[in-house]
PDB file of all heavy atoms in Angstrom:
ATOM      1  N   ARG A   1       8.610   7.573   3.925  1.00  0.00           N
ATOM      2  CA  ARG A   1       8.502   7.626   2.459  1.00  0.00           C
ATOM      3  C   ARG A   1       7.181   7.037   1.954  1.00  0.00           C
ATOM      4  O   ARG A   1       6.660   7.476   0.939  1.00  0.00           O
ATOM      5  CB  ARG A   1       9.663   6.861   1.814  1.00  0.00           C
ATOM      6  CG  ARG A   1      11.045   7.384   2.179  1.00  0.00           C
ATOM      7  CD  ARG A   1      12.140   6.697   1.358  1.00  0.00           C
ATOM      8  NE  ARG A   1      12.227   5.272   1.643  1.00  0.00           N
ATOM      9  CZ  ARG A   1      12.098   4.317   0.725  1.00  0.00           C
ATOM     10  NH1 ARG A   1      11.852   4.631  -0.532  1.00  0.00           N
ATOM     11  NH2 ARG A   1      12.208   3.025   1.072  1.00  0.00           N
ATOM     12  N   PHE A   2       6.668   6.022   2.662  1.00  0.00           N
ATOM     13  CA  PHE A   2       5.444   5.345   2.250  1.00  0.00           C
ATOM     14  C   PHE A   2       4.303   5.711   3.201  1.00  0.00           C
ATOM     15  O   PHE A   2       4.513   5.910   4.402  1.00  0.00           O
ATOM     16  CB  PHE A   2       5.623   3.829   2.284  1.00  0.00           C
ATOM     17  CG  PHE A   2       6.540   3.276   1.221  1.00  0.00           C
ATOM     18  CD1 PHE A   2       7.355   4.090   0.443  1.00  0.00           C
ATOM     19  CD2 PHE A   2       6.587   1.900   1.006  1.00  0.00           C
ATOM     20  CE1 PHE A   2       8.193   3.562  -0.515  1.00  0.00           C
ATOM     21  CE2 PHE A   2       7.416   1.354   0.045  1.00  0.00           C
ATOM     22  CZ  PHE A   2       8.230   2.197  -0.721  1.00  0.00           C
ATOM     23  N   THR A   3       3.084   5.723   2.652  1.00  0.00           N
ATOM     24  CA  THR A   3       1.901   5.992   3.463  1.00  0.00           C
ATOM     25  C   THR A   3       0.787   5.039   3.066  1.00  0.00           C
ATOM     26  O   THR A   3       0.457   4.927   1.883  1.00  0.00           O
ATOM     27  CB  THR A   3       1.419   7.431   3.278  1.00  0.00           C
ATOM     28  OG1 THR A   3       2.469   8.349   3.603  1.00  0.00           O
ATOM     29  CG2 THR A   3       0.221   7.712   4.189  1.00  0.00           C
ATOM     30  N   ILE A   4       0.214   4.369   4.044  1.00  0.00           N
ATOM     31  CA  ILE A   4      -0.915   3.479   3.801  1.00  0.00           C
ATOM     32  C   ILE A   4      -2.199   4.194   4.198  1.00  0.00           C
ATOM     33  O   ILE A   4      -2.221   4.960   5.166  1.00  0.00           O
ATOM     34  CB  ILE A   4      -0.771   2.151   4.592  1.00  0.00           C
ATOM     35  CG1 ILE A   4      -1.876   1.168   4.213  1.00  0.00           C
ATOM     36  CG2 ILE A   4      -0.735   2.398   6.098  1.00  0.00           C
ATOM     37  CD1 ILE A   4      -1.686  -0.218   4.814  1.00  0.00           C
ATOM     38  N   ALA A   5      -3.260   3.933   3.412  1.00  0.00           N
ATOM     39  CA  ALA A   5      -4.554   4.546   3.715  1.00  0.00           C
ATOM     40  C   ALA A   5      -5.656   3.630   3.207  1.00  0.00           C
ATOM     41  O   ALA A   5      -5.431   2.827   2.294  1.00  0.00           O
ATOM     42  CB  ALA A   5      -4.651   5.920   3.058  1.00  0.00           C
ATOM     43  N   ARG A   6      -6.827   3.766   3.799  1.00  0.00           N
ATOM     44  CA  ARG A   6      -7.985   2.993   3.370  1.00  0.00           C
ATOM     45  C   ARG A   6      -9.095   3.948   2.978  1.00  0.00           C
ATOM     46  O   ARG A   6      -9.239   5.019   3.554  1.00  0.00           O
ATOM     47  CB  ARG A   6      -8.450   2.041   4.467  1.00  0.00           C
ATOM     48  CG  ARG A   6      -9.005   2.728   5.688  1.00  0.00           C
ATOM     49  CD  ARG A   6      -9.241   1.765   6.836  1.00  0.00           C
ATOM     50  NE  ARG A   6     -10.353   0.866   6.585  1.00  0.00           N
ATOM     51  CZ  ARG A   6     -10.715  -0.108   7.428  1.00  0.00           C
ATOM     52  NH1 ARG A   6     -10.035  -0.290   8.538  1.00  0.00           N
ATOM     53  NH2 ARG A   6     -11.739  -0.884   7.140  1.00  0.00           N
ATOM     54  N   ASP A   7      -9.896   3.526   2.011  1.00  0.00           N
ATOM     55  CA  ASP A   7     -11.077   4.265   1.602  1.00  0.00           C
ATOM     56  C   ASP A   7     -12.246   3.299   1.679  1.00  0.00           C
ATOM     57  O   ASP A   7     -12.414   2.452   0.797  1.00  0.00           O
ATOM     58  CB  ASP A   7     -10.899   4.823   0.189  1.00  0.00           C
ATOM     59  CG  ASP A   7     -12.035   5.745  -0.230  1.00  0.00           C
ATOM     60  OD1 ASP A   7     -13.181   5.497   0.184  1.00  0.00           O
ATOM     61  OD2 ASP A   7     -11.787   6.688  -0.980  1.00  0.00           O
ATOM     62  N   ASN A   8     -13.058   3.421   2.716  1.00  0.00           N
ATOM     63  CA  ASN A   8     -14.162   2.481   2.920  1.00  0.00           C
ATOM     64  C   ASN A   8     -15.278   2.673   1.900  1.00  0.00           C
ATOM     65  O   ASN A   8     -16.065   1.750   1.666  1.00  0.00           O
ATOM     66  CB  ASN A   8     -14.722   2.628   4.333  1.00  0.00           C
ATOM     67  CG  ASN A   8     -13.773   2.107   5.386  1.00  0.00           C
ATOM     68  OD1 ASN A   8     -12.947   1.228   5.115  1.00  0.00           O
ATOM     69  ND2 ASN A   8     -13.858   2.647   6.588  1.00  0.00           N
ATOM     70  N   VAL A   9     -15.369   3.837   1.290  1.00  0.00           N
ATOM     71  CA  VAL A   9     -16.395   4.074   0.269  1.00  0.00           C
ATOM     72  C   VAL A   9     -16.020   3.356  -1.017  1.00  0.00           C
ATOM     73  O   VAL A   9     -16.855   2.723  -1.673  1.00  0.00           O
ATOM     74  CB  VAL A   9     -16.573   5.586   0.024  1.00  0.00           C
ATOM     75  CG1 VAL A   9     -17.531   5.823  -1.139  1.00  0.00           C
ATOM     76  CG2 VAL A   9     -17.077   6.265   1.286  1.00  0.00           C
ATOM     77  N   LYS A  10     -14.725   3.433  -1.375  1.00  0.00           N
ATOM     78  CA  LYS A  10     -14.248   2.793  -2.599  1.00  0.00           C
ATOM     79  C   LYS A  10     -13.796   1.355  -2.363  1.00  0.00           C
ATOM     80  O   LYS A  10     -13.390   0.679  -3.320  1.00  0.00           O
ATOM     81  CB  LYS A  10     -13.101   3.606  -3.191  1.00  0.00           C
ATOM     82  CG  LYS A  10     -13.500   4.998  -3.642  1.00  0.00           C
ATOM     83  CD  LYS A  10     -12.305   5.736  -4.251  1.00  0.00           C
ATOM     84  CE  LYS A  10     -12.721   7.107  -4.738  1.00  0.00           C
ATOM     85  NZ  LYS A  10     -11.577   7.856  -5.336  1.00  0.00           N
ATOM     86  N   ASN A  11     -13.847   0.901  -1.099  1.00  0.00           N
ATOM     87  CA  ASN A  11     -13.398  -0.461  -0.764  1.00  0.00           C
ATOM     88  C   ASN A  11     -11.973  -0.709  -1.266  1.00  0.00           C
ATOM     89  O   ASN A  11     -11.669  -1.739  -1.879  1.00  0.00           O
ATOM     90  CB  ASN A  11     -14.343  -1.516  -1.359  1.00  0.00           C
ATOM     91  CG  ASN A  11     -15.745  -1.390  -0.822  1.00  0.00           C
ATOM     92  OD1 ASN A  11     -15.933  -1.033   0.340  1.00  0.00           O
ATOM     93  ND2 ASN A  11     -16.722  -1.652  -1.661  1.00  0.00           N
ATOM     94  N   THR A  12     -11.119   0.246  -1.000  1.00  0.00           N
ATOM     95  CA  THR A  12      -9.764   0.204  -1.543  1.00  0.00           C
ATOM     96  C   THR A  12      -8.740   0.561  -0.468  1.00  0.00           C
ATOM     97  O   THR A  12      -8.995   1.440   0.370  1.00  0.00           O
ATOM     98  CB  THR A  12      -9.624   1.174  -2.732  1.00  0.00           C
ATOM     99  OG1 THR A  12     -10.580   0.817  -3.737  1.00  0.00           O
ATOM    100  CG2 THR A  12      -8.231   1.109  -3.343  1.00  0.00           C
ATOM    101  N   VAL A  13      -7.614  -0.114  -0.529  1.00  0.00           N
ATOM    102  CA  VAL A  13      -6.464   0.194   0.317  1.00  0.00           C
ATOM    103  C   VAL A  13      -5.364   0.743  -0.593  1.00  0.00           C
ATOM    104  O   VAL A  13      -5.105   0.176  -1.657  1.00  0.00           O
ATOM    105  CB  VAL A  13      -5.944  -1.048   1.058  1.00  0.00           C
ATOM    106  CG1 VAL A  13      -4.792  -0.675   1.988  1.00  0.00           C
ATOM    107  CG2 VAL A  13      -7.065  -1.722   1.825  1.00  0.00           C
ATOM    108  N   PHE A  14      -4.755   1.827  -0.175  1.00  0.00           N
ATOM    109  CA  PHE A  14      -3.736   2.473  -0.986  1.00  0.00           C
ATOM    110  C   PHE A  14      -2.366   2.389  -0.305  1.00  0.00           C
ATOM    111  O   PHE A  14      -2.258   2.315   0.918  1.00  0.00           O
ATOM    112  CB  PHE A  14      -4.082   3.950  -1.203  1.00  0.00           C
ATOM    113  CG  PHE A  14      -5.369   4.181  -1.921  1.00  0.00           C
ATOM    114  CD1 PHE A  14      -6.522   4.506  -1.225  1.00  0.00           C
ATOM    115  CD2 PHE A  14      -5.433   4.087  -3.301  1.00  0.00           C
ATOM    116  CE1 PHE A  14      -7.719   4.731  -1.891  1.00  0.00           C
ATOM    117  CE2 PHE A  14      -6.618   4.305  -3.978  1.00  0.00           C
ATOM    118  CZ  PHE A  14      -7.769   4.634  -3.268  1.00  0.00           C
ATOM    119  N   LEU A  15      -1.339   2.436  -1.129  1.00  0.00           N
ATOM    120  CA  LEU A  15       0.029   2.591  -0.628  1.00  0.00           C
ATOM    121  C   LEU A  15       0.704   3.655  -1.482  1.00  0.00           C
ATOM    122  O   LEU A  15       1.009   3.400  -2.648  1.00  0.00           O
ATOM    123  CB  LEU A  15       0.810   1.282  -0.679  1.00  0.00           C
ATOM    124  CG  LEU A  15       2.210   1.359  -0.067  1.00  0.00           C
ATOM    125  CD1 LEU A  15       2.118   1.551   1.459  1.00  0.00           C
ATOM    126  CD2 LEU A  15       3.022   0.089  -0.381  1.00  0.00           C
ATOM    127  N   GLN A  16       0.874   4.827  -0.899  1.00  0.00           N
ATOM    128  CA  GLN A  16       1.585   5.912  -1.581  1.00  0.00           C
ATOM    129  C   GLN A  16       3.073   5.745  -1.308  1.00  0.00           C
ATOM    130  O   GLN A  16       3.492   5.697  -0.144  1.00  0.00           O
ATOM    131  CB  GLN A  16       1.103   7.260  -1.076  1.00  0.00           C
ATOM    132  CG  GLN A  16       1.835   8.452  -1.687  1.00  0.00           C
ATOM    133  CD  GLN A  16       1.566   8.606  -3.172  1.00  0.00           C
ATOM    134  OE1 GLN A  16       0.421   8.483  -3.606  1.00  0.00           O
ATOM    135  NE2 GLN A  16       2.603   8.887  -3.959  1.00  0.00           N
ATOM    136  N   MET A  17       3.859   5.663  -2.373  1.00  0.00           N
ATOM    137  CA  MET A  17       5.295   5.425  -2.240  1.00  0.00           C
ATOM    138  C   MET A  17       6.048   6.588  -2.873  1.00  0.00           C
ATOM    139  O   MET A  17       5.923   6.820  -4.080  1.00  0.00           O
ATOM    140  CB  MET A  17       5.680   4.109  -2.923  1.00  0.00           C
ATOM    141  CG  MET A  17       4.882   2.908  -2.433  1.00  0.00           C
ATOM    142  SD  MET A  17       5.460   1.345  -3.118  1.00  0.00           S
ATOM    143  CE  MET A  17       5.120   1.604  -4.860  1.00  0.00           C
ATOM    144  N   ASN A  18       6.794   7.295  -2.059  1.00  0.00           N
ATOM    145  CA  ASN A  18       7.584   8.440  -2.519  1.00  0.00           C
ATOM    146  C   ASN A  18       9.068   8.166  -2.329  1.00  0.00           C
ATOM    147  O   ASN A  18       9.457   7.276  -1.575  1.00  0.00           O
ATOM    148  CB  ASN A  18       7.186   9.700  -1.754  1.00  0.00           C
ATOM    149  CG  ASN A  18       5.731  10.079  -1.951  1.00  0.00           C
ATOM    150  OD1 ASN A  18       5.158   9.874  -3.029  1.00  0.00           O
ATOM    151  ND2 ASN A  18       5.126  10.640  -0.920  1.00  0.00           N
ATOM    152  N   SER A  19       9.888   8.948  -3.000  1.00  0.00           N
ATOM    153  CA  SER A  19      11.350   8.839  -2.884  1.00  0.00           C
ATOM    154  C   SER A  19      11.797   7.394  -3.056  1.00  0.00           C
ATOM    155  O   SER A  19      12.572   6.867  -2.250  1.00  0.00           O
ATOM    156  CB  SER A  19      11.810   9.388  -1.527  1.00  0.00           C
ATOM    157  OG  SER A  19      11.409  10.724  -1.345  1.00  0.00           O
ATOM    158  N   LEU A  20      11.320   6.765  -4.091  1.00  0.00           N
ATOM    159  CA  LEU A  20      11.597   5.348  -4.302  1.00  0.00           C
ATOM    160  C   LEU A  20      13.071   5.091  -4.564  1.00  0.00           C
ATOM    161  O   LEU A  20      13.761   5.902  -5.192  1.00  0.00           O
ATOM    162  CB  LEU A  20      10.743   4.810  -5.444  1.00  0.00           C
ATOM    163  CG  LEU A  20       9.284   4.566  -5.071  1.00  0.00           C
ATOM    164  CD1 LEU A  20       8.400   4.487  -6.290  1.00  0.00           C
ATOM    165  CD2 LEU A  20       9.166   3.294  -4.248  1.00  0.00           C
ATOM    166  N   LYS A  21      13.520   3.942  -4.074  1.00  0.00           N
ATOM    167  CA  LYS A  21      14.908   3.524  -4.201  1.00  0.00           C
ATOM    168  C   LYS A  21      14.977   2.196  -4.943  1.00  0.00           C
ATOM    169  O   LYS A  21      14.005   1.430  -4.921  1.00  0.00           O
ATOM    170  CB  LYS A  21      15.532   3.364  -2.816  1.00  0.00           C
ATOM    171  CG  LYS A  21      15.442   4.581  -1.924  1.00  0.00           C
ATOM    172  CD  LYS A  21      15.976   4.281  -0.524  1.00  0.00           C
ATOM    173  CE  LYS A  21      15.863   5.496   0.384  1.00  0.00           C
ATOM    174  NZ  LYS A  21      16.378   5.214   1.747  1.00  0.00           N
ATOM    175  N   PRO A  22      16.108   1.876  -5.562  1.00  0.00           N
ATOM    176  CA  PRO A  22      16.226   0.574  -6.239  1.00  0.00           C
ATOM    177  C   PRO A  22      15.911  -0.602  -5.318  1.00  0.00           C
ATOM    178  O   PRO A  22      15.350  -1.614  -5.773  1.00  0.00           O
ATOM    179  CB  PRO A  22      17.683   0.568  -6.697  1.00  0.00           C
ATOM    180  CG  PRO A  22      18.019   2.003  -6.910  1.00  0.00           C
ATOM    181  CD  PRO A  22      17.279   2.735  -5.805  1.00  0.00           C
ATOM    182  N   GLU A  23      16.239  -0.483  -4.038  1.00  0.00           N
ATOM    183  CA  GLU A  23      15.968  -1.578  -3.110  1.00  0.00           C
ATOM    184  C   GLU A  23      14.491  -1.751  -2.792  1.00  0.00           C
ATOM    185  O   GLU A  23      14.106  -2.703  -2.106  1.00  0.00           O
ATOM    186  CB  GLU A  23      16.762  -1.396  -1.803  1.00  0.00           C
ATOM    187  CG  GLU A  23      16.635  -0.035  -1.169  1.00  0.00           C
ATOM    188  CD  GLU A  23      17.770   0.901  -1.545  1.00  0.00           C
ATOM    189  OE1 GLU A  23      18.162   0.915  -2.737  1.00  0.00           O
ATOM    190  OE2 GLU A  23      18.249   1.626  -0.642  1.00  0.00           O
ATOM    191  N   ASP A  24      13.635  -0.847  -3.284  1.00  0.00           N
ATOM    192  CA  ASP A  24      12.193  -1.016  -3.144  1.00  0.00           C
ATOM    193  C   ASP A  24      11.631  -1.925  -4.232  1.00  0.00           C
ATOM    194  O   ASP A  24      10.446  -2.265  -4.207  1.00  0.00           O
ATOM    195  CB  ASP A  24      11.485   0.337  -3.214  1.00  0.00           C
ATOM    196  CG  ASP A  24      11.820   1.242  -2.054  1.00  0.00           C
ATOM    197  OD1 ASP A  24      11.893   0.750  -0.907  1.00  0.00           O
ATOM    198  OD2 ASP A  24      12.027   2.459  -2.284  1.00  0.00           O
ATOM    199  N   THR A  25      12.456  -2.322  -5.186  1.00  0.00           N
ATOM    200  CA  THR A  25      12.008  -3.205  -6.258  1.00  0.00           C
ATOM    201  C   THR A  25      11.548  -4.540  -5.685  1.00  0.00           C
ATOM    202  O   THR A  25      12.282  -5.200  -4.952  1.00  0.00           O
ATOM    203  CB  THR A  25      13.146  -3.434  -7.262  1.00  0.00           C
ATOM    204  OG1 THR A  25      13.465  -2.189  -7.905  1.00  0.00           O
ATOM    205  CG2 THR A  25      12.749  -4.462  -8.319  1.00  0.00           C
ATOM    206  N   ALA A  26      10.316  -4.918  -6.019  1.00  0.00           N
ATOM    207  CA  ALA A  26       9.724  -6.144  -5.481  1.00  0.00           C
ATOM    208  C   ALA A  26       8.321  -6.308  -6.065  1.00  0.00           C
ATOM    209  O   ALA A  26       7.797  -5.400  -6.713  1.00  0.00           O
ATOM    210  CB  ALA A  26       9.653  -6.090  -3.954  1.00  0.00           C
ATOM    211  N   VAL A  27       7.745  -7.473  -5.800  1.00  0.00           N
ATOM    212  CA  VAL A  27       6.315  -7.661  -6.031  1.00  0.00           C
ATOM    213  C   VAL A  27       5.603  -7.278  -4.730  1.00  0.00           C
ATOM    214  O   VAL A  27       5.972  -7.761  -3.654  1.00  0.00           O
ATOM    215  CB  VAL A  27       5.977  -9.112  -6.417  1.00  0.00           C
ATOM    216  CG1 VAL A  27       4.474  -9.269  -6.591  1.00  0.00           C
ATOM    217  CG2 VAL A  27       6.714  -9.509  -7.689  1.00  0.00           C
ATOM    218  N   TYR A  28       4.614  -6.413  -4.844  1.00  0.00           N
ATOM    219  CA  TYR A  28       3.882  -5.915  -3.684  1.00  0.00           C
ATOM    220  C   TYR A  28       2.516  -6.596  -3.618  1.00  0.00           C
ATOM    221  O   TYR A  28       1.777  -6.635  -4.608  1.00  0.00           O
ATOM    222  CB  TYR A  28       3.718  -4.402  -3.775  1.00  0.00           C
ATOM    223  CG  TYR A  28       4.989  -3.656  -3.451  1.00  0.00           C
ATOM    224  CD1 TYR A  28       6.078  -3.690  -4.318  1.00  0.00           C
ATOM    225  CD2 TYR A  28       5.117  -2.935  -2.272  1.00  0.00           C
ATOM    226  CE1 TYR A  28       7.256  -3.027  -4.018  1.00  0.00           C
ATOM    227  CE2 TYR A  28       6.290  -2.261  -1.961  1.00  0.00           C
ATOM    228  CZ  TYR A  28       7.358  -2.317  -2.836  1.00  0.00           C
ATOM    229  OH  TYR A  28       8.524  -1.657  -2.529  1.00  0.00           O
ATOM    230  N   TYR A  29       2.194  -7.108  -2.422  1.00  0.00           N
ATOM    231  CA  TYR A  29       0.944  -7.820  -2.185  1.00  0.00           C
ATOM    232  C   TYR A  29       0.138  -7.096  -1.120  1.00  0.00           C
ATOM    233  O   TYR A  29       0.677  -6.721  -0.086  1.00  0.00           O
ATOM    234  CB  TYR A  29       1.217  -9.237  -1.697  1.00  0.00           C
ATOM    235  CG  TYR A  29       2.011 -10.098  -2.639  1.00  0.00           C
ATOM    236  CD1 TYR A  29       3.407 -10.114  -2.572  1.00  0.00           C
ATOM    237  CD2 TYR A  29       1.377 -10.909  -3.580  1.00  0.00           C
ATOM    238  CE1 TYR A  29       4.149 -10.916  -3.429  1.00  0.00           C
ATOM    239  CE2 TYR A  29       2.120 -11.713  -4.432  1.00  0.00           C
ATOM    240  CZ  TYR A  29       3.503 -11.706  -4.355  1.00  0.00           C
ATOM    241  OH  TYR A  29       4.229 -12.499  -5.197  1.00  0.00           O
ATOM    242  N   CYS A  30      -1.154  -6.958  -1.356  1.00  0.00           N
ATOM    243  CA  CYS A  30      -2.014  -6.419  -0.306  1.00  0.00           C
ATOM    244  C   CYS A  30      -2.780  -7.559   0.356  1.00  0.00           C
ATOM    245  O   CYS A  30      -2.929  -8.645  -0.204  1.00  0.00           O
ATOM    246  CB  CYS A  30      -2.982  -5.381  -0.852  1.00  0.00           C
ATOM    247  SG  CYS A  30      -4.290  -6.035  -1.891  1.00  0.00           S
ATOM    248  N   TYR A  31      -3.239  -7.307   1.567  1.00  0.00           N
ATOM    249  CA  TYR A  31      -4.024  -8.286   2.300  1.00  0.00           C
ATOM    250  C   TYR A  31      -5.020  -7.546   3.185  1.00  0.00           C
ATOM    251  O   TYR A  31      -4.824  -6.384   3.537  1.00  0.00           O
ATOM    252  CB  TYR A  31      -3.128  -9.183   3.152  1.00  0.00           C
ATOM    253  CG  TYR A  31      -2.477  -8.470   4.302  1.00  0.00           C
ATOM    254  CD1 TYR A  31      -3.064  -8.449   5.571  1.00  0.00           C
ATOM    255  CD2 TYR A  31      -1.283  -7.776   4.131  1.00  0.00           C
ATOM    256  CE1 TYR A  31      -2.469  -7.757   6.613  1.00  0.00           C
ATOM    257  CE2 TYR A  31      -0.692  -7.094   5.170  1.00  0.00           C
ATOM    258  CZ  TYR A  31      -1.285  -7.085   6.393  1.00  0.00           C
ATOM    259  OH  TYR A  31      -0.698  -6.390   7.440  1.00  0.00           O
ATOM    260  N   VAL A  32      -6.077  -8.270   3.548  1.00  0.00           N
ATOM    261  CA  VAL A  32      -7.025  -7.787   4.553  1.00  0.00           C
ATOM    262  C   VAL A  32      -7.301  -8.934   5.509  1.00  0.00           C
ATOM    263  O   VAL A  32      -7.211 -10.105   5.136  1.00  0.00           O
ATOM    264  CB  VAL A  32      -8.344  -7.279   3.928  1.00  0.00           C
ATOM    265  CG1 VAL A  32      -8.089  -6.059   3.063  1.00  0.00           C
ATOM    266  CG2 VAL A  32      -9.046  -8.374   3.129  1.00  0.00           C
ATOM    267  N   TYR A  33      -7.657  -8.591   6.739  1.00  0.00           N
ATOM    268  CA  TYR A  33      -7.887  -9.581   7.787  1.00  0.00           C
ATOM    269  C   TYR A  33      -9.158  -9.205   8.514  1.00  0.00           C
ATOM    270  O   TYR A  33      -9.351  -8.058   8.924  1.00  0.00           O
ATOM    271  CB  TYR A  33      -6.701  -9.582   8.745  1.00  0.00           C
ATOM    272  CG  TYR A  33      -6.843 -10.486   9.929  1.00  0.00           C
ATOM    273  CD1 TYR A  33      -6.816 -11.869   9.769  1.00  0.00           C
ATOM    274  CD2 TYR A  33      -7.002  -9.974  11.215  1.00  0.00           C
ATOM    275  CE1 TYR A  33      -6.942 -12.716  10.862  1.00  0.00           C
ATOM    276  CE2 TYR A  33      -7.117 -10.805  12.305  1.00  0.00           C
ATOM    277  CZ  TYR A  33      -7.088 -12.173  12.114  1.00  0.00           C
ATOM    278  OH  TYR A  33      -7.201 -13.004  13.187  1.00  0.00           O
ATOM    279  N   ASN A  34     -10.072 -10.216   8.657  1.00  0.00           N
ATOM    280  CA  ASN A  34     -11.375  -9.911   9.254  1.00  0.00           C
ATOM    281  C   ASN A  34     -11.510 -10.427  10.667  1.00  0.00           C
ATOM    282  O   ASN A  34     -12.610 -10.489  11.199  1.00  0.00           O
ATOM    283  CB  ASN A  34     -12.493 -10.490   8.376  1.00  0.00           C
ATOM    284  CG  ASN A  34     -12.442 -12.010   8.296  1.00  0.00           C
ATOM    285  OD1 ASN A  34     -11.595 -12.655   8.905  1.00  0.00           O
ATOM    286  ND2 ASN A  34     -13.366 -12.580   7.528  1.00  0.00           N
ATOM    287  N   GLY A  35     -10.387 -10.800  11.276  1.00  0.00           N
ATOM    288  CA  GLY A  35     -10.433 -11.336  12.629  1.00  0.00           C
ATOM    289  C   GLY A  35     -10.480 -12.844  12.666  1.00  0.00           C
ATOM    290  O   GLY A  35     -10.284 -13.459  13.723  1.00  0.00           O
TER     291      GLY A  35
END
């Protein structure tokens, strides 16, 4: 249902969420890790 993707040109990480359910209700946090 969900798909993660990165765009290095836009410096952006995306999360496409389809077929959402009530149990998906939450605060969503993104993170990056440089090693």
